[in-house]
């Protein structure tokens, strides 16, 4: 299967205290302040180099805000079903979680969580509230079922209507 059909894009819950547009406005105000300090003649003292340092910090901050909130480098958060693995990536600066099929003992598919039970006793809960859209949710459920049947894994599934 091509990657486009096995990868499900996740939209992490926006739990930041300052929303994206607020962070961007802070960065732009900071940029305007620094540029005003550079272009004005009042800062022509020994500390004039600090304006350039703050200008670099401003661009680093704006870059960080854009990279974390906009899919500049492609999909940042996803859940992918490969032939032998389930791969969960939770963001750009977060490591991948790889679950090999031979290490999985059971899968529990509930309306809000996918639990992956492993042979070593570990249980990983993957938040499914990040899967947005009805078509993505149905495609995700189909891929979990296909993965479980392909690798003969027991799948305990609770339907969304029964949980309500």
N, C-alpha and C. Protein backbone atom coordinates (compact mmCIF):
# COMPACT_ATOMS: atom_id res chain seq x y z
N UNK A 1 0.84 -1.18 0.00
CA UNK A 1 0.00 0.00 0.00
C UNK A 1 0.88 1.24 0.00
N UNK A 2 0.52 2.24 -0.76
CA UNK A 2 1.29 3.47 -0.70
C UNK A 2 1.10 4.19 0.62
N UNK A 3 2.07 5.01 0.98
CA UNK A 3 2.05 5.69 2.27
C UNK A 3 0.83 6.57 2.44
N UNK A 4 0.34 7.17 1.37
CA UNK A 4 -0.81 8.06 1.47
C UNK A 4 -2.06 7.39 1.98
N UNK A 5 -2.19 6.08 1.77
CA UNK A 5 -3.40 5.39 2.22
C UNK A 5 -3.23 4.75 3.59
N UNK A 6 -2.00 4.62 4.08
CA UNK A 6 -1.79 3.99 5.39
C UNK A 6 -1.52 4.99 6.48
N UNK A 7 -1.29 6.23 6.13
CA UNK A 7 -0.96 7.26 7.12
C UNK A 7 -2.19 8.10 7.41
N UNK A 8 -2.49 8.25 8.69
CA UNK A 8 -3.63 9.04 9.12
C UNK A 8 -3.10 10.26 9.85
N UNK A 9 -3.43 11.43 9.33
CA UNK A 9 -2.95 12.68 9.92
C UNK A 9 -3.71 12.95 11.22
N UNK A 10 -2.98 13.36 12.24
CA UNK A 10 -3.56 13.69 13.53
C UNK A 10 -3.50 15.20 13.72
N UNK A 11 -4.49 15.72 14.38
CA UNK A 11 -4.48 17.13 14.75
C UNK A 11 -4.44 17.21 16.26
N UNK A 12 -3.27 17.48 16.83
CA UNK A 12 -3.18 17.52 18.29
C UNK A 12 -4.12 18.58 18.88
N UNK A 13 -4.61 18.28 20.06
CA UNK A 13 -5.48 19.24 20.73
C UNK A 13 -4.71 20.50 21.02
N UNK A 14 -5.31 21.63 20.74
CA UNK A 14 -4.66 22.91 20.97
C UNK A 14 -4.82 23.27 22.45
N UNK A 15 -3.84 22.90 23.24
CA UNK A 15 -3.91 23.16 24.68
C UNK A 15 -2.93 24.25 25.10
N UNK A 16 -2.46 25.04 24.16
CA UNK A 16 -1.54 26.13 24.47
C UNK A 16 -2.31 27.27 25.12
N UNK A 17 -1.67 27.94 26.06
CA UNK A 17 -2.33 29.07 26.73
C UNK A 17 -2.52 30.25 25.79
N UNK A 18 -1.58 30.43 24.87
CA UNK A 18 -1.67 31.51 23.89
C UNK A 18 -1.92 30.86 22.53
N UNK A 19 -2.99 31.21 21.83
CA UNK A 19 -3.28 30.58 20.54
C UNK A 19 -2.24 30.96 19.48
N UNK A 20 -2.30 30.26 18.36
CA UNK A 20 -1.33 30.46 17.28
C UNK A 20 -1.27 31.92 16.84
N UNK A 21 -2.42 32.54 16.59
CA UNK A 21 -2.41 33.93 16.12
C UNK A 21 -1.86 34.87 17.19
N UNK A 22 -2.07 34.55 18.45
CA UNK A 22 -1.49 35.36 19.52
C UNK A 22 0.02 35.23 19.56
N UNK A 23 0.53 34.00 19.40
CA UNK A 23 1.98 33.80 19.35
C UNK A 23 2.59 34.51 18.16
N UNK A 24 1.90 34.44 17.02
CA UNK A 24 2.39 35.12 15.83
C UNK A 24 2.38 36.63 16.01
N UNK A 25 1.35 37.16 16.65
CA UNK A 25 1.28 38.61 16.90
C UNK A 25 2.39 39.05 17.85
N UNK A 26 2.67 38.27 18.87
CA UNK A 26 3.77 38.58 19.80
C UNK A 26 5.09 38.63 19.03
N UNK A 27 5.31 37.64 18.16
CA UNK A 27 6.54 37.62 17.36
C UNK A 27 6.65 38.80 16.42
N UNK A 28 5.52 39.19 15.81
CA UNK A 28 5.56 40.32 14.89
C UNK A 28 5.76 41.65 15.61
N UNK A 29 5.14 41.79 16.80
CA UNK A 29 5.40 43.00 17.60
C UNK A 29 6.85 43.05 18.04
N UNK A 30 7.41 41.92 18.40
CA UNK A 30 8.81 41.84 18.79
C UNK A 30 9.70 42.23 17.61
N UNK A 31 9.34 41.74 16.42
CA UNK A 31 10.09 42.07 15.23
C UNK A 31 10.03 43.58 14.93
N UNK A 32 8.83 44.16 15.05
CA UNK A 32 8.69 45.60 14.80
C UNK A 32 9.50 46.42 15.81
N UNK A 33 9.48 46.00 17.07
CA UNK A 33 10.23 46.71 18.11
C UNK A 33 11.74 46.66 17.82
N UNK A 34 12.22 45.47 17.45
CA UNK A 34 13.65 45.32 17.18
C UNK A 34 14.05 46.11 15.94
N UNK A 35 13.24 46.05 14.89
CA UNK A 35 13.56 46.81 13.68
C UNK A 35 13.53 48.31 13.94
N UNK A 36 12.59 48.76 14.76
CA UNK A 36 12.56 50.17 15.12
C UNK A 36 13.82 50.56 15.88
N UNK A 37 14.28 49.69 16.78
CA UNK A 37 15.51 49.97 17.52
C UNK A 37 16.73 49.99 16.63
N UNK A 38 16.76 49.13 15.60
CA UNK A 38 17.90 49.10 14.68
C UNK A 38 17.90 50.34 13.79
N UNK A 39 16.72 50.71 13.27
CA UNK A 39 16.64 51.81 12.32
C UNK A 39 16.71 53.19 12.97
N UNK A 40 16.44 53.27 14.26
CA UNK A 40 16.54 54.58 14.92
C UNK A 40 18.00 54.84 15.31
N UNK A 41 18.35 56.08 15.43
CA UNK A 41 19.73 56.44 15.77
C UNK A 41 19.96 56.49 17.27
N UNK A 42 18.91 56.25 18.06
CA UNK A 42 19.08 56.37 19.51
C UNK A 42 19.87 55.20 20.09
N UNK A 43 19.95 54.10 19.37
CA UNK A 43 20.66 52.94 19.90
C UNK A 43 22.10 52.86 19.47
N UNK A 44 22.68 53.93 19.02
CA UNK A 44 24.06 53.92 18.53
C UNK A 44 25.03 54.00 19.70
N UNK A 45 24.93 53.10 20.61
CA UNK A 45 25.84 53.04 21.75
C UNK A 45 26.60 51.73 21.69
N UNK A 46 27.27 51.42 22.76
CA UNK A 46 28.02 50.17 22.82
C UNK A 46 27.11 48.94 22.79
N UNK A 47 25.85 49.12 23.13
CA UNK A 47 24.92 47.98 23.21
C UNK A 47 24.08 47.84 21.94
N UNK A 48 24.49 48.48 20.86
CA UNK A 48 23.74 48.41 19.61
C UNK A 48 23.71 46.99 19.04
N UNK A 49 24.74 46.17 19.33
CA UNK A 49 24.79 44.81 18.83
C UNK A 49 23.67 43.95 19.42
N UNK A 50 23.13 44.35 20.57
CA UNK A 50 22.03 43.58 21.17
C UNK A 50 20.78 43.60 20.30
N UNK A 51 20.59 44.67 19.54
CA UNK A 51 19.46 44.70 18.61
C UNK A 51 19.56 43.57 17.60
N UNK A 52 20.77 43.34 17.11
CA UNK A 52 20.97 42.27 16.13
C UNK A 52 20.80 40.90 16.78
N UNK A 53 21.22 40.77 18.01
CA UNK A 53 21.02 39.50 18.73
C UNK A 53 19.52 39.24 18.92
N UNK A 54 18.79 40.27 19.33
CA UNK A 54 17.35 40.11 19.50
C UNK A 54 16.64 39.87 18.17
N UNK A 55 17.18 40.41 17.09
CA UNK A 55 16.61 40.15 15.76
C UNK A 55 16.74 38.67 15.41
N UNK A 56 17.88 38.09 15.71
CA UNK A 56 18.07 36.65 15.48
C UNK A 56 17.11 35.85 16.35
N UNK A 57 16.98 36.21 17.63
CA UNK A 57 16.04 35.52 18.52
C UNK A 57 14.60 35.65 18.03
N UNK A 58 14.27 36.80 17.44
CA UNK A 58 12.92 37.00 16.91
C UNK A 58 12.64 36.03 15.77
N UNK A 59 13.59 35.91 14.86
CA UNK A 59 13.38 34.98 13.74
C UNK A 59 13.36 33.54 14.20
N UNK A 60 14.15 33.20 15.22
CA UNK A 60 14.11 31.84 15.77
C UNK A 60 12.74 31.58 16.40
N UNK A 61 12.22 32.54 17.15
CA UNK A 61 10.91 32.39 17.78
C UNK A 61 9.81 32.26 16.74
N UNK A 62 9.82 33.13 15.73
CA UNK A 62 8.80 33.05 14.68
C UNK A 62 8.89 31.73 13.92
N UNK A 63 10.09 31.28 13.66
CA UNK A 63 10.26 29.98 13.01
C UNK A 63 9.73 28.84 13.85
N UNK A 64 10.01 28.88 15.15
CA UNK A 64 9.51 27.84 16.05
C UNK A 64 7.98 27.83 16.08
N UNK A 65 7.37 29.00 16.15
CA UNK A 65 5.91 29.09 16.18
C UNK A 65 5.32 28.53 14.88
N UNK A 66 5.90 28.90 13.75
CA UNK A 66 5.38 28.41 12.47
C UNK A 66 5.58 26.92 12.30
N UNK A 67 6.72 26.41 12.70
CA UNK A 67 6.99 24.98 12.53
C UNK A 67 6.06 24.15 13.42
N UNK A 68 5.79 24.61 14.63
CA UNK A 68 4.94 23.84 15.54
C UNK A 68 3.46 23.93 15.18
N UNK A 69 3.04 24.98 14.54
CA UNK A 69 1.61 25.19 14.31
C UNK A 69 1.17 25.04 12.87
N UNK A 70 2.06 25.08 11.93
CA UNK A 70 1.69 24.98 10.52
C UNK A 70 2.45 23.81 9.90
N UNK A 71 1.81 23.04 9.03
CA UNK A 71 2.49 21.89 8.42
C UNK A 71 3.47 22.31 7.32
N UNK A 72 4.51 23.02 7.72
CA UNK A 72 5.49 23.51 6.75
C UNK A 72 6.30 22.36 6.16
N UNK A 73 6.74 21.44 6.99
CA UNK A 73 7.57 20.34 6.54
C UNK A 73 6.76 19.06 6.37
N UNK A 74 5.50 19.17 6.02
CA UNK A 74 4.65 17.99 5.84
C UNK A 74 3.88 17.69 7.11
N UNK A 75 3.32 16.51 7.15
CA UNK A 75 2.50 16.10 8.29
C UNK A 75 3.38 15.88 9.50
N UNK A 76 3.08 16.57 10.59
CA UNK A 76 3.90 16.47 11.80
C UNK A 76 3.42 15.37 12.73
N UNK A 77 2.12 15.19 12.84
CA UNK A 77 1.54 14.19 13.73
C UNK A 77 0.74 13.20 12.89
N UNK A 78 1.07 11.94 13.04
CA UNK A 78 0.36 10.94 12.25
C UNK A 78 0.39 9.58 12.95
N UNK A 79 -0.48 8.72 12.48
CA UNK A 79 -0.53 7.32 12.89
C UNK A 79 -0.48 6.52 11.60
N UNK A 80 0.51 5.63 11.48
CA UNK A 80 0.71 4.92 10.22
C UNK A 80 0.73 3.42 10.45
N UNK A 81 0.08 2.72 9.55
CA UNK A 81 0.05 1.26 9.59
C UNK A 81 0.91 0.74 8.46
N UNK A 82 2.09 0.22 8.81
CA UNK A 82 2.98 -0.39 7.83
C UNK A 82 2.73 -1.89 7.87
N UNK A 83 3.32 -2.66 6.95
CA UNK A 83 3.03 -4.11 6.95
C UNK A 83 3.34 -4.83 8.26
N UNK A 84 4.33 -4.40 9.02
CA UNK A 84 4.65 -5.11 10.25
C UNK A 84 4.65 -4.26 11.50
N UNK A 85 4.29 -2.98 11.38
CA UNK A 85 4.40 -2.06 12.50
C UNK A 85 3.23 -1.09 12.54
N UNK A 86 2.99 -0.56 13.74
CA UNK A 86 2.14 0.62 13.91
C UNK A 86 3.09 1.73 14.35
N UNK A 87 3.09 2.84 13.64
CA UNK A 87 3.99 3.95 13.93
C UNK A 87 3.15 5.13 14.36
N UNK A 88 3.49 5.70 15.53
CA UNK A 88 2.79 6.89 16.04
C UNK A 88 3.80 8.00 16.20
N UNK A 89 3.56 9.11 15.51
CA UNK A 89 4.41 10.30 15.61
C UNK A 89 3.55 11.42 16.14
N UNK A 90 3.95 12.01 17.25
CA UNK A 90 3.10 12.97 17.95
C UNK A 90 3.49 14.41 17.71
N UNK A 91 4.42 14.68 16.84
CA UNK A 91 4.81 16.06 16.56
C UNK A 91 6.20 16.12 15.99
N UNK A 92 6.60 17.31 15.56
CA UNK A 92 7.88 17.47 14.88
C UNK A 92 9.06 17.18 15.79
N UNK A 93 9.04 17.66 17.00
CA UNK A 93 10.17 17.49 17.90
C UNK A 93 9.98 16.34 18.86
N UNK A 94 9.10 15.42 18.54
CA UNK A 94 8.83 14.27 19.41
C UNK A 94 9.27 13.00 18.69
N UNK A 95 9.76 12.01 19.42
CA UNK A 95 10.22 10.78 18.76
C UNK A 95 9.04 9.92 18.30
N UNK A 96 9.32 9.05 17.35
CA UNK A 96 8.31 8.11 16.88
C UNK A 96 8.15 6.99 17.89
N UNK A 97 6.93 6.51 18.02
CA UNK A 97 6.67 5.30 18.79
C UNK A 97 6.38 4.21 17.77
N UNK A 98 7.16 3.15 17.79
CA UNK A 98 7.01 2.06 16.84
C UNK A 98 6.58 0.83 17.62
N UNK A 99 5.47 0.21 17.18
CA UNK A 99 4.96 -0.99 17.80
C UNK A 99 5.03 -2.11 16.78
N UNK A 100 5.94 -3.07 17.00
CA UNK A 100 6.09 -4.20 16.08
C UNK A 100 4.95 -5.18 16.29
N UNK A 101 4.47 -5.76 15.21
CA UNK A 101 3.33 -6.67 15.29
C UNK A 101 3.66 -7.90 16.13
N UNK A 102 4.90 -8.37 16.06
CA UNK A 102 5.24 -9.58 16.84
C UNK A 102 5.34 -9.31 18.34
N UNK A 103 5.43 -8.04 18.74
CA UNK A 103 5.47 -7.69 20.16
C UNK A 103 4.11 -7.31 20.72
N UNK A 104 3.09 -7.25 19.88
CA UNK A 104 1.75 -6.86 20.33
C UNK A 104 0.96 -8.12 20.67
N UNK A 105 0.33 -8.12 21.85
CA UNK A 105 -0.52 -9.24 22.22
C UNK A 105 -1.99 -8.97 21.96
N UNK A 106 -2.44 -7.74 22.08
CA UNK A 106 -3.84 -7.42 21.86
C UNK A 106 -4.00 -5.95 21.52
N UNK A 107 -5.09 -5.65 20.85
CA UNK A 107 -5.46 -4.28 20.53
C UNK A 107 -6.86 -4.03 21.09
N UNK A 108 -7.04 -2.89 21.72
CA UNK A 108 -8.35 -2.48 22.21
C UNK A 108 -8.72 -1.18 21.51
N UNK A 109 -9.79 -1.22 20.74
CA UNK A 109 -10.23 -0.04 19.99
C UNK A 109 -11.50 0.48 20.64
N UNK A 110 -11.36 1.61 21.29
CA UNK A 110 -12.49 2.27 21.94
C UNK A 110 -12.76 3.59 21.22
N UNK A 111 -13.86 4.26 21.49
CA UNK A 111 -14.16 5.49 20.76
C UNK A 111 -13.10 6.58 20.91
N UNK A 112 -12.44 6.66 22.04
CA UNK A 112 -11.50 7.76 22.26
C UNK A 112 -10.06 7.32 22.40
N UNK A 113 -9.79 6.01 22.38
CA UNK A 113 -8.42 5.55 22.63
C UNK A 113 -8.18 4.21 21.93
N UNK A 114 -6.95 4.04 21.45
CA UNK A 114 -6.49 2.74 20.96
C UNK A 114 -5.43 2.26 21.94
N UNK A 115 -5.70 1.15 22.58
CA UNK A 115 -4.73 0.59 23.53
C UNK A 115 -3.98 -0.53 22.85
N UNK A 116 -2.66 -0.46 22.96
CA UNK A 116 -1.77 -1.46 22.38
C UNK A 116 -1.13 -2.20 23.55
N UNK A 117 -1.49 -3.47 23.71
CA UNK A 117 -0.89 -4.30 24.77
C UNK A 117 0.29 -5.06 24.17
N UNK A 118 1.42 -4.98 24.85
CA UNK A 118 2.61 -5.65 24.34
C UNK A 118 2.96 -6.86 25.20
N UNK A 119 3.84 -7.70 24.67
CA UNK A 119 4.21 -8.94 25.36
C UNK A 119 4.94 -8.69 26.67
N UNK A 120 5.64 -7.57 26.78
CA UNK A 120 6.37 -7.28 28.01
C UNK A 120 5.48 -6.68 29.09
N UNK A 121 4.17 -6.60 28.85
CA UNK A 121 3.23 -6.11 29.84
C UNK A 121 2.90 -4.63 29.73
N UNK A 122 3.62 -3.93 28.88
CA UNK A 122 3.36 -2.50 28.70
C UNK A 122 2.05 -2.29 27.95
N UNK A 123 1.34 -1.25 28.34
CA UNK A 123 0.12 -0.85 27.65
C UNK A 123 0.29 0.59 27.20
N UNK A 124 0.17 0.82 25.91
CA UNK A 124 0.27 2.16 25.36
C UNK A 124 -1.11 2.61 24.91
N UNK A 125 -1.50 3.77 25.35
CA UNK A 125 -2.80 4.33 24.98
C UNK A 125 -2.56 5.47 24.00
N UNK A 126 -3.12 5.34 22.81
CA UNK A 126 -3.00 6.37 21.79
C UNK A 126 -4.32 7.13 21.73
N UNK A 127 -4.26 8.43 21.93
CA UNK A 127 -5.45 9.27 21.97
C UNK A 127 -6.04 9.39 20.57
N UNK A 128 -7.30 8.99 20.43
CA UNK A 128 -7.96 9.05 19.13
C UNK A 128 -8.79 10.31 18.95
N UNK A 129 -8.81 11.17 19.93
CA UNK A 129 -9.52 12.44 19.75
C UNK A 129 -8.78 13.36 18.79
N UNK A 130 -7.53 13.00 18.49
CA UNK A 130 -6.75 13.77 17.54
C UNK A 130 -7.10 13.42 16.09
N UNK A 131 -7.82 12.30 15.89
CA UNK A 131 -8.25 11.91 14.56
C UNK A 131 -9.52 12.69 14.26
N UNK A 132 -9.41 13.67 13.38
CA UNK A 132 -10.54 14.55 13.06
C UNK A 132 -11.17 14.12 11.75
N UNK A 133 -12.47 14.23 11.67
CA UNK A 133 -13.20 13.95 10.44
C UNK A 133 -13.78 12.55 10.43
N UNK A 134 -14.98 12.44 9.92
CA UNK A 134 -15.68 11.16 9.91
C UNK A 134 -15.01 10.15 8.99
N UNK A 135 -14.55 10.61 7.83
CA UNK A 135 -13.91 9.69 6.89
C UNK A 135 -12.57 9.18 7.44
N UNK A 136 -11.81 10.05 8.09
CA UNK A 136 -10.55 9.60 8.69
C UNK A 136 -10.80 8.59 9.79
N UNK A 137 -11.83 8.82 10.59
CA UNK A 137 -12.12 7.87 11.68
C UNK A 137 -12.54 6.51 11.14
N UNK A 138 -13.36 6.48 10.10
CA UNK A 138 -13.76 5.18 9.54
C UNK A 138 -12.58 4.51 8.86
N UNK A 139 -11.74 5.26 8.16
CA UNK A 139 -10.55 4.67 7.53
C UNK A 139 -9.59 4.14 8.59
N UNK A 140 -9.46 4.88 9.69
CA UNK A 140 -8.60 4.43 10.79
C UNK A 140 -9.11 3.12 11.36
N UNK A 141 -10.41 3.02 11.63
CA UNK A 141 -10.98 1.79 12.18
C UNK A 141 -10.79 0.62 11.22
N UNK A 142 -10.95 0.86 9.93
CA UNK A 142 -10.74 -0.20 8.95
C UNK A 142 -9.28 -0.66 8.95
N UNK A 143 -8.35 0.27 9.08
CA UNK A 143 -6.94 -0.11 9.09
C UNK A 143 -6.56 -0.87 10.35
N UNK A 144 -7.16 -0.52 11.50
CA UNK A 144 -6.90 -1.27 12.73
C UNK A 144 -7.42 -2.69 12.57
N UNK A 145 -8.63 -2.84 12.03
CA UNK A 145 -9.20 -4.18 11.82
C UNK A 145 -8.34 -4.99 10.86
N UNK A 146 -7.90 -4.37 9.77
CA UNK A 146 -7.07 -5.09 8.80
C UNK A 146 -5.73 -5.49 9.40
N UNK A 147 -5.13 -4.62 10.18
CA UNK A 147 -3.85 -4.93 10.84
C UNK A 147 -4.03 -6.08 11.81
N UNK A 148 -5.12 -6.07 12.58
CA UNK A 148 -5.36 -7.13 13.56
C UNK A 148 -5.61 -8.47 12.88
N UNK A 149 -6.38 -8.48 11.80
CA UNK A 149 -6.64 -9.76 11.12
C UNK A 149 -5.40 -10.26 10.39
N UNK A 150 -4.60 -9.36 9.83
CA UNK A 150 -3.40 -9.77 9.10
C UNK A 150 -2.39 -10.44 10.03
N UNK A 151 -2.29 -9.95 11.26
CA UNK A 151 -1.29 -10.47 12.20
C UNK A 151 -1.92 -11.36 13.27
N UNK A 152 -3.17 -11.75 13.11
CA UNK A 152 -3.89 -12.63 14.04
C UNK A 152 -3.85 -12.10 15.47
N UNK A 153 -4.13 -10.83 15.63
CA UNK A 153 -4.14 -10.19 16.94
C UNK A 153 -5.58 -10.10 17.43
N UNK A 154 -5.82 -10.40 18.70
CA UNK A 154 -7.18 -10.21 19.22
C UNK A 154 -7.52 -8.72 19.29
N UNK A 155 -8.67 -8.38 18.75
CA UNK A 155 -9.12 -7.00 18.72
C UNK A 155 -10.41 -6.88 19.51
N UNK A 156 -10.33 -6.14 20.60
CA UNK A 156 -11.52 -5.85 21.39
C UNK A 156 -12.01 -4.48 20.97
N UNK A 157 -13.20 -4.44 20.40
CA UNK A 157 -13.71 -3.19 19.85
C UNK A 157 -15.01 -2.81 20.52
N UNK A 158 -15.05 -1.57 20.96
CA UNK A 158 -16.27 -0.99 21.52
C UNK A 158 -16.75 0.03 20.52
N UNK A 159 -17.97 -0.13 20.04
CA UNK A 159 -18.47 0.80 19.02
C UNK A 159 -18.79 2.15 19.66
N UNK A 160 -18.68 3.23 18.89
CA UNK A 160 -18.96 4.56 19.44
C UNK A 160 -20.39 4.73 19.92
N UNK A 161 -21.35 4.02 19.31
CA UNK A 161 -22.75 4.17 19.72
C UNK A 161 -23.02 3.48 21.03
N UNK A 162 -22.30 2.38 21.32
CA UNK A 162 -22.53 1.66 22.58
C UNK A 162 -21.95 2.41 23.77
N UNK A 163 -20.91 3.22 23.53
CA UNK A 163 -20.26 3.94 24.63
C UNK A 163 -21.05 5.18 25.03
N UNK A 164 -21.96 5.64 24.20
CA UNK A 164 -22.69 6.87 24.50
C UNK A 164 -23.82 6.63 25.47
